[in-house]
Amino acid sequence: MSDSKTTGLDEIRLYAERHGLKGLPEAQFARLAELATTVREAGLAIPRMPSEEIEPAHLFTVAPIRGLK
């Protein structure tokens, strides 16, 4: 999607701090920023329903777990 946004390292540092991850190495902050972009792109690709009253039940199926009776 063209609506992709790169998460800045400052945003990632604030996010990590809010979740108790202080003092991480810079390489880990950079990796978190990469992952944030990947997760955002994946989230944008999920089809959205036009209304919250319309549930996407037809999009999901649940297969039975083998061996359980």
PDB file of N, CA and C in Angstrom:
ATOM      1  N   MET A   1       0.835  -1.179   0.000  1.00  0.00           N
ATOM      2  CA  MET A   1       0.000   0.000   0.000  1.00  0.00           C
ATOM      3  C   MET A   1       0.880   1.242   0.000  1.00  0.00           C
ATOM      4  N   SER A   2       0.380   2.272  -0.594  1.00  0.00           N
ATOM      5  CA  SER A   2       1.156   3.502  -0.661  1.00  0.00           C
ATOM      6  C   SER A   2       1.045   4.322   0.617  1.00  0.00           C
ATOM      7  N   ASP A   3       0.178   3.896   1.543  1.00  0.00           N
ATOM      8  CA  ASP A   3      -0.041   4.623   2.789  1.00  0.00           C
ATOM      9  C   ASP A   3       0.976   4.226   3.860  1.00  0.00           C
ATOM     10  N   SER A   4       2.095   3.638   3.440  1.00  0.00           N
ATOM     11  CA  SER A   4       3.083   3.149   4.388  1.00  0.00           C
ATOM     12  C   SER A   4       3.832   4.295   5.052  1.00  0.00           C
ATOM     13  N   LYS A   5       4.098   4.135   6.335  1.00  0.00           N
ATOM     14  CA  LYS A   5       4.800   5.163   7.108  1.00  0.00           C
ATOM     15  C   LYS A   5       5.943   4.490   7.862  1.00  0.00           C
ATOM     16  N   THR A   6       7.075   5.116   7.865  1.00  0.00           N
ATOM     17  CA  THR A   6       8.206   4.592   8.610  1.00  0.00           C
ATOM     18  C   THR A   6       8.140   5.122  10.035  1.00  0.00           C
ATOM     19  N   THR A   7       8.233   4.220  10.993  1.00  0.00           N
ATOM     20  CA  THR A   7       8.227   4.608  12.396  1.00  0.00           C
ATOM     21  C   THR A   7       9.631   5.065  12.768  1.00  0.00           C
ATOM     22  N   GLY A   8       9.735   6.251  13.328  1.00  0.00           N
ATOM     23  CA  GLY A   8      11.038   6.794  13.701  1.00  0.00           C
ATOM     24  C   GLY A   8      11.599   6.147  14.949  1.00  0.00           C
ATOM     25  N   LEU A   9      12.910   6.216  15.081  1.00  0.00           N
ATOM     26  CA  LEU A   9      13.562   5.623  16.253  1.00  0.00           C
ATOM     27  C   LEU A   9      13.116   6.293  17.548  1.00  0.00           C
ATOM     28  N   ASP A  10      12.833   7.587  17.500  1.00  0.00           N
ATOM     29  CA  ASP A  10      12.366   8.259  18.714  1.00  0.00           C
ATOM     30  C   ASP A  10      11.025   7.698  19.166  1.00  0.00           C
ATOM     31  N   GLU A  11      10.131   7.444  18.201  1.00  0.00           N
ATOM     32  CA  GLU A  11       8.838   6.829  18.529  1.00  0.00           C
ATOM     33  C   GLU A  11       9.037   5.447  19.121  1.00  0.00           C
ATOM     34  N   ILE A  12       9.953   4.688  18.547  1.00  0.00           N
ATOM     35  CA  ILE A  12      10.225   3.335  19.030  1.00  0.00           C
ATOM     36  C   ILE A  12      10.794   3.373  20.439  1.00  0.00           C
ATOM     37  N   ARG A  13      11.687   4.304  20.706  1.00  0.00           N
ATOM     38  CA  ARG A  13      12.256   4.415  22.062  1.00  0.00           C
ATOM     39  C   ARG A  13      11.160   4.728  23.080  1.00  0.00           C
ATOM     40  N   LEU A  14      10.238   5.637  22.727  1.00  0.00           N
ATOM     41  CA  LEU A  14       9.127   5.966  23.625  1.00  0.00           C
ATOM     42  C   LEU A  14       8.219   4.758  23.833  1.00  0.00           C
ATOM     43  N   TYR A  15       7.931   4.033  22.751  1.00  0.00           N
ATOM     44  CA  TYR A  15       7.112   2.824  22.841  1.00  0.00           C
ATOM     45  C   TYR A  15       7.772   1.807  23.775  1.00  0.00           C
ATOM     46  N   ALA A  16       9.069   1.560  23.563  1.00  0.00           N
ATOM     47  CA  ALA A  16       9.796   0.593  24.383  1.00  0.00           C
ATOM     48  C   ALA A  16       9.797   1.025  25.851  1.00  0.00           C
ATOM     49  N   GLU A  17       9.989   2.296  26.098  1.00  0.00           N
ATOM     50  CA  GLU A  17      10.007   2.798  27.483  1.00  0.00           C
ATOM     51  C   GLU A  17       8.645   2.601  28.146  1.00  0.00           C
ATOM     52  N   ARG A  18       7.562   2.859  27.398  1.00  0.00           N
ATOM     53  CA  ARG A  18       6.216   2.663  27.954  1.00  0.00           C
ATOM     54  C   ARG A  18       5.973   1.211  28.328  1.00  0.00           C
ATOM     55  N   HIS A  19       6.680   0.298  27.676  1.00  0.00           N
ATOM     56  CA  HIS A  19       6.501  -1.122  27.946  1.00  0.00           C
ATOM     57  C   HIS A  19       7.633  -1.706  28.794  1.00  0.00           C
ATOM     58  N   GLY A  20       8.383  -0.847  29.448  1.00  0.00           N
ATOM     59  CA  GLY A  20       9.405  -1.288  30.388  1.00  0.00           C
ATOM     60  C   GLY A  20      10.690  -1.781  29.763  1.00  0.00           C
ATOM     61  N   LEU A  21      10.945  -1.423  28.503  1.00  0.00           N
ATOM     62  CA  LEU A  21      12.162  -1.868  27.822  1.00  0.00           C
ATOM     63  C   LEU A  21      13.152  -0.717  27.718  1.00  0.00           C
ATOM     64  N   LYS A  22      13.773  -0.399  28.814  1.00  0.00           N
ATOM     65  CA  LYS A  22      14.744   0.697  28.825  1.00  0.00           C
ATOM     66  C   LYS A  22      16.152   0.153  28.607  1.00  0.00           C
ATOM     67  N   GLY A  23      16.979   0.940  27.988  1.00  0.00           N
ATOM     68  CA  GLY A  23      18.388   0.598  27.848  1.00  0.00           C
ATOM     69  C   GLY A  23      18.696  -0.501  26.833  1.00  0.00           C
ATOM     70  N   LEU A  24      17.831  -0.670  25.847  1.00  0.00           N
ATOM     71  CA  LEU A  24      18.125  -1.657  24.812  1.00  0.00           C
ATOM     72  C   LEU A  24      19.259  -1.153  23.919  1.00  0.00           C
ATOM     73  N   PRO A  25      20.023  -2.061  23.326  1.00  0.00           N
ATOM     74  CA  PRO A  25      21.046  -1.646  22.367  1.00  0.00           C
ATOM     75  C   PRO A  25      20.402  -0.982  21.147  1.00  0.00           C
ATOM     76  N   GLU A  26      21.119  -0.090  20.506  1.00  0.00           N
ATOM     77  CA  GLU A  26      20.596   0.637  19.341  1.00  0.00           C
ATOM     78  C   GLU A  26      20.147  -0.306  18.234  1.00  0.00           C
ATOM     79  N   ALA A  27      20.851  -1.423  18.065  1.00  0.00           N
ATOM     80  CA  ALA A  27      20.479  -2.384  17.024  1.00  0.00           C
ATOM     81  C   ALA A  27      19.078  -2.947  17.277  1.00  0.00           C
ATOM     82  N   GLN A  28      18.721  -3.125  18.537  1.00  0.00           N
ATOM     83  CA  GLN A  28      17.390  -3.647  18.842  1.00  0.00           C
ATOM     84  C   GLN A  28      16.306  -2.589  18.602  1.00  0.00           C
ATOM     85  N   PHE A  29      16.615  -1.327  18.873  1.00  0.00           N
ATOM     86  CA  PHE A  29      15.664  -0.263  18.547  1.00  0.00           C
ATOM     87  C   PHE A  29      15.447  -0.204  17.032  1.00  0.00           C
ATOM     88  N   ALA A  30      16.505  -0.342  16.269  1.00  0.00           N
ATOM     89  CA  ALA A  30      16.388  -0.324  14.810  1.00  0.00           C
ATOM     90  C   ALA A  30      15.553  -1.503  14.324  1.00  0.00           C
ATOM     91  N   ARG A  31      15.751  -2.664  14.922  1.00  0.00           N
ATOM     92  CA  ARG A  31      14.970  -3.847  14.534  1.00  0.00           C
ATOM     93  C   ARG A  31      13.499  -3.668  14.902  1.00  0.00           C
ATOM     94  N   LEU A  32      13.220  -3.082  16.063  1.00  0.00           N
ATOM     95  CA  LEU A  32      11.836  -2.799  16.443  1.00  0.00           C
ATOM     96  C   LEU A  32      11.169  -1.867  15.438  1.00  0.00           C
ATOM     97  N   ALA A  33      11.918  -0.887  14.948  1.00  0.00           N
ATOM     98  CA  ALA A  33      11.370   0.033  13.946  1.00  0.00           C
ATOM     99  C   ALA A  33      11.045  -0.718  12.654  1.00  0.00           C
ATOM    100  N   GLU A  34      11.911  -1.631  12.239  1.00  0.00           N
ATOM    101  CA  GLU A  34      11.644  -2.447  11.046  1.00  0.00           C
ATOM    102  C   GLU A  34      10.387  -3.281  11.239  1.00  0.00           C
ATOM    103  N   LEU A  35      10.283  -3.918  12.404  1.00  0.00           N
ATOM    104  CA  LEU A  35       9.119  -4.756  12.688  1.00  0.00           C
ATOM    105  C   LEU A  35       7.833  -3.928  12.741  1.00  0.00           C
ATOM    106  N   ALA A  36       7.913  -2.729  13.277  1.00  0.00           N
ATOM    107  CA  ALA A  36       6.730  -1.867  13.347  1.00  0.00           C
ATOM    108  C   ALA A  36       6.217  -1.550  11.950  1.00  0.00           C
ATOM    109  N   THR A  37       7.117  -1.319  11.022  1.00  0.00           N
ATOM    110  CA  THR A  37       6.721  -1.047   9.638  1.00  0.00           C
ATOM    111  C   THR A  37       6.075  -2.281   9.012  1.00  0.00           C
ATOM    112  N   THR A  38       6.664  -3.448   9.232  1.00  0.00           N
ATOM    113  CA  THR A  38       6.120  -4.693   8.690  1.00  0.00           C
ATOM    114  C   THR A  38       4.734  -4.972   9.256  1.00  0.00           C
ATOM    115  N   VAL A  39       4.563  -4.793  10.556  1.00  0.00           N
ATOM    116  CA  VAL A  39       3.270  -5.036  11.195  1.00  0.00           C
ATOM    117  C   VAL A  39       2.228  -4.052  10.681  1.00  0.00           C
ATOM    118  N   ARG A  40       2.623  -2.799  10.505  1.00  0.00           N
ATOM    119  CA  ARG A  40       1.688  -1.794   9.988  1.00  0.00           C
ATOM    120  C   ARG A  40       1.234  -2.147   8.575  1.00  0.00           C
ATOM    121  N   GLU A  41       2.156  -2.539   7.737  1.00  0.00           N
ATOM    122  CA  GLU A  41       1.814  -2.914   6.356  1.00  0.00           C
ATOM    123  C   GLU A  41       0.885  -4.119   6.335  1.00  0.00           C
ATOM    124  N   ALA A  42       1.136  -5.095   7.205  1.00  0.00           N
ATOM    125  CA  ALA A  42       0.265  -6.269   7.276  1.00  0.00           C
ATOM    126  C   ALA A  42      -1.130  -5.866   7.744  1.00  0.00           C
ATOM    127  N   GLY A  43      -1.203  -4.980   8.715  1.00  0.00           N
ATOM    128  CA  GLY A  43      -2.493  -4.516   9.215  1.00  0.00           C
ATOM    129  C   GLY A  43      -3.283  -3.755   8.170  1.00  0.00           C
ATOM    130  N   LEU A  44      -2.603  -2.974   7.353  1.00  0.00           N
ATOM    131  CA  LEU A  44      -3.289  -2.233   6.297  1.00  0.00           C
ATOM    132  C   LEU A  44      -3.842  -3.156   5.219  1.00  0.00           C
ATOM    133  N   ALA A  45      -3.265  -4.348   5.082  1.00  0.00           N
ATOM    134  CA  ALA A  45      -3.713  -5.287   4.053  1.00  0.00           C
ATOM    135  C   ALA A  45      -4.950  -6.083   4.472  1.00  0.00           C
ATOM    136  N   ILE A  46      -5.319  -6.033   5.750  1.00  0.00           N
ATOM    137  CA  ILE A  46      -6.488  -6.779   6.228  1.00  0.00           C
ATOM    138  C   ILE A  46      -7.752  -6.071   5.750  1.00  0.00           C
ATOM    139  N   PRO A  47      -8.656  -6.818   5.099  1.00  0.00           N
ATOM    140  CA  PRO A  47      -9.897  -6.181   4.640  1.00  0.00           C
ATOM    141  C   PRO A  47     -10.736  -5.701   5.822  1.00  0.00           C
ATOM    142  N   ARG A  48     -11.265  -4.519   5.695  1.00  0.00           N
ATOM    143  CA  ARG A  48     -12.089  -3.929   6.756  1.00  0.00           C
ATOM    144  C   ARG A  48     -13.550  -3.952   6.351  1.00  0.00           C
ATOM    145  N   MET A  49     -14.410  -4.147   7.333  1.00  0.00           N
ATOM    146  CA  MET A  49     -15.843  -4.125   7.093  1.00  0.00           C
ATOM    147  C   MET A  49     -16.316  -2.670   7.019  1.00  0.00           C
ATOM    148  N   PRO A  50     -17.310  -2.382   6.182  1.00  0.00           N
ATOM    149  CA  PRO A  50     -17.782  -1.005   6.062  1.00  0.00           C
ATOM    150  C   PRO A  50     -18.498  -0.499   7.310  1.00  0.00           C
ATOM    151  N   SER A  51     -18.915  -1.410   8.184  1.00  0.00           N
ATOM    152  CA  SER A  51     -19.634  -1.023   9.391  1.00  0.00           C
ATOM    153  C   SER A  51     -19.252  -1.975  10.517  1.00  0.00           C
ATOM    154  N   GLU A  52     -19.193  -1.491  11.741  1.00  0.00           N
ATOM    155  CA  GLU A  52     -18.838  -2.366  12.849  1.00  0.00           C
ATOM    156  C   GLU A  52     -19.954  -3.362  13.178  1.00  0.00           C
ATOM    157  N   GLU A  53     -21.170  -3.113  12.683  1.00  0.00           N
ATOM    158  CA  GLU A  53     -22.269  -4.053  12.895  1.00  0.00           C
ATOM    159  C   GLU A  53     -22.167  -5.275  11.981  1.00  0.00           C
ATOM    160  N   ILE A  54     -21.359  -5.178  10.928  1.00  0.00           N
ATOM    161  CA  ILE A  54     -21.191  -6.290   9.996  1.00  0.00           C
ATOM    162  C   ILE A  54     -19.939  -7.049  10.405  1.00  0.00           C
ATOM    163  N   GLU A  55     -20.115  -8.253  10.893  1.00  0.00           N
ATOM    164  CA  GLU A  55     -18.969  -9.028  11.353  1.00  0.00           C
ATOM    165  C   GLU A  55     -18.334  -9.791  10.191  1.00  0.00           C
ATOM    166  N   PRO A  56     -17.029  -9.953  10.211  1.00  0.00           N
ATOM    167  CA  PRO A  56     -16.345 -10.654   9.116  1.00  0.00           C
ATOM    168  C   PRO A  56     -16.322 -12.168   9.295  1.00  0.00           C
ATOM    169  N   ALA A  57     -17.395 -12.741   9.850  1.00  0.00           N
ATOM    170  CA  ALA A  57     -17.394 -14.175  10.144  1.00  0.00           C
ATOM    171  C   ALA A  57     -17.156 -15.013   8.898  1.00  0.00           C
ATOM    172  N   HIS A  58     -17.608 -14.554   7.742  1.00  0.00           N
ATOM    173  CA  HIS A  58     -17.429 -15.335   6.521  1.00  0.00           C
ATOM    174  C   HIS A  58     -15.973 -15.393   6.060  1.00  0.00           C
ATOM    175  N   LEU A  59     -15.112 -14.560   6.641  1.00  0.00           N
ATOM    176  CA  LEU A  59     -13.706 -14.562   6.252  1.00  0.00           C
ATOM    177  C   LEU A  59     -12.893 -15.604   7.009  1.00  0.00           C
ATOM    178  N   PHE A  60     -13.419 -16.089   8.126  1.00  0.00           N
ATOM    179  CA  PHE A  60     -12.643 -16.954   8.997  1.00  0.00           C
ATOM    180  C   PHE A  60     -13.292 -18.329   9.117  1.00  0.00           C
ATOM    181  N   THR A  61     -12.459 -19.346   9.172  1.00  0.00           N
ATOM    182  CA  THR A  61     -12.951 -20.701   9.410  1.00  0.00           C
ATOM    183  C   THR A  61     -12.107 -21.312  10.516  1.00  0.00           C
ATOM    184  N   VAL A  62     -12.697 -22.226  11.240  1.00  0.00           N
ATOM    185  CA  VAL A  62     -11.984 -22.908  12.313  1.00  0.00           C
ATOM    186  C   VAL A  62     -11.984 -24.391  11.989  1.00  0.00           C
ATOM    187  N   ALA A  63     -10.799 -24.947  11.837  1.00  0.00           N
ATOM    188  CA  ALA A  63     -10.673 -26.382  11.567  1.00  0.00           C
ATOM    189  C   ALA A  63     -10.656 -27.126  12.880  1.00  0.00           C
ATOM    190  N   PRO A  64     -11.291 -28.288  12.935  1.00  0.00           N
ATOM    191  CA  PRO A  64     -11.259 -29.072  14.185  1.00  0.00           C
ATOM    192  C   PRO A  64      -9.844 -29.561  14.475  1.00  0.00           C
ATOM    193  N   ILE A  65      -9.533 -29.647  15.744  1.00  0.00           N
ATOM    194  CA  ILE A  65      -8.223 -30.148  16.157  1.00  0.00           C
ATOM    195  C   ILE A  65      -8.250 -31.665  16.102  1.00  0.00           C
ATOM    196  N   ARG A  66      -7.292 -32.234  15.412  1.00  0.00           N
ATOM    197  CA  ARG A  66      -7.252 -33.696  15.254  1.00  0.00           C
ATOM    198  C   ARG A  66      -6.957 -34.364  16.595  1.00  0.00           C
ATOM    199  N   GLY A  67      -7.601 -35.460  16.817  1.00  0.00           N
ATOM    200  CA  GLY A  67      -7.320 -36.241  18.014  1.00  0.00           C
ATOM    201  C   GLY A  67      -8.211 -35.881  19.190  1.00  0.00           C
ATOM    202  N   LEU A  68      -8.962 -34.788  19.099  1.00  0.00           N
ATOM    203  CA  LEU A  68      -9.876 -34.418  20.187  1.00  0.00           C
ATOM    204  C   LEU A  68     -11.267 -34.906  19.867  1.00  0.00           C
ATOM    205  N   LYS A  69     -11.936 -35.447  20.843  1.00  0.00           N
ATOM    206  CA  LYS A  69     -13.312 -35.923  20.638  1.00  0.00           C
ATOM    207  C   LYS A  69     -14.260 -35.187  21.525  1.00  0.00           C
TER     208      LYS A  69
END
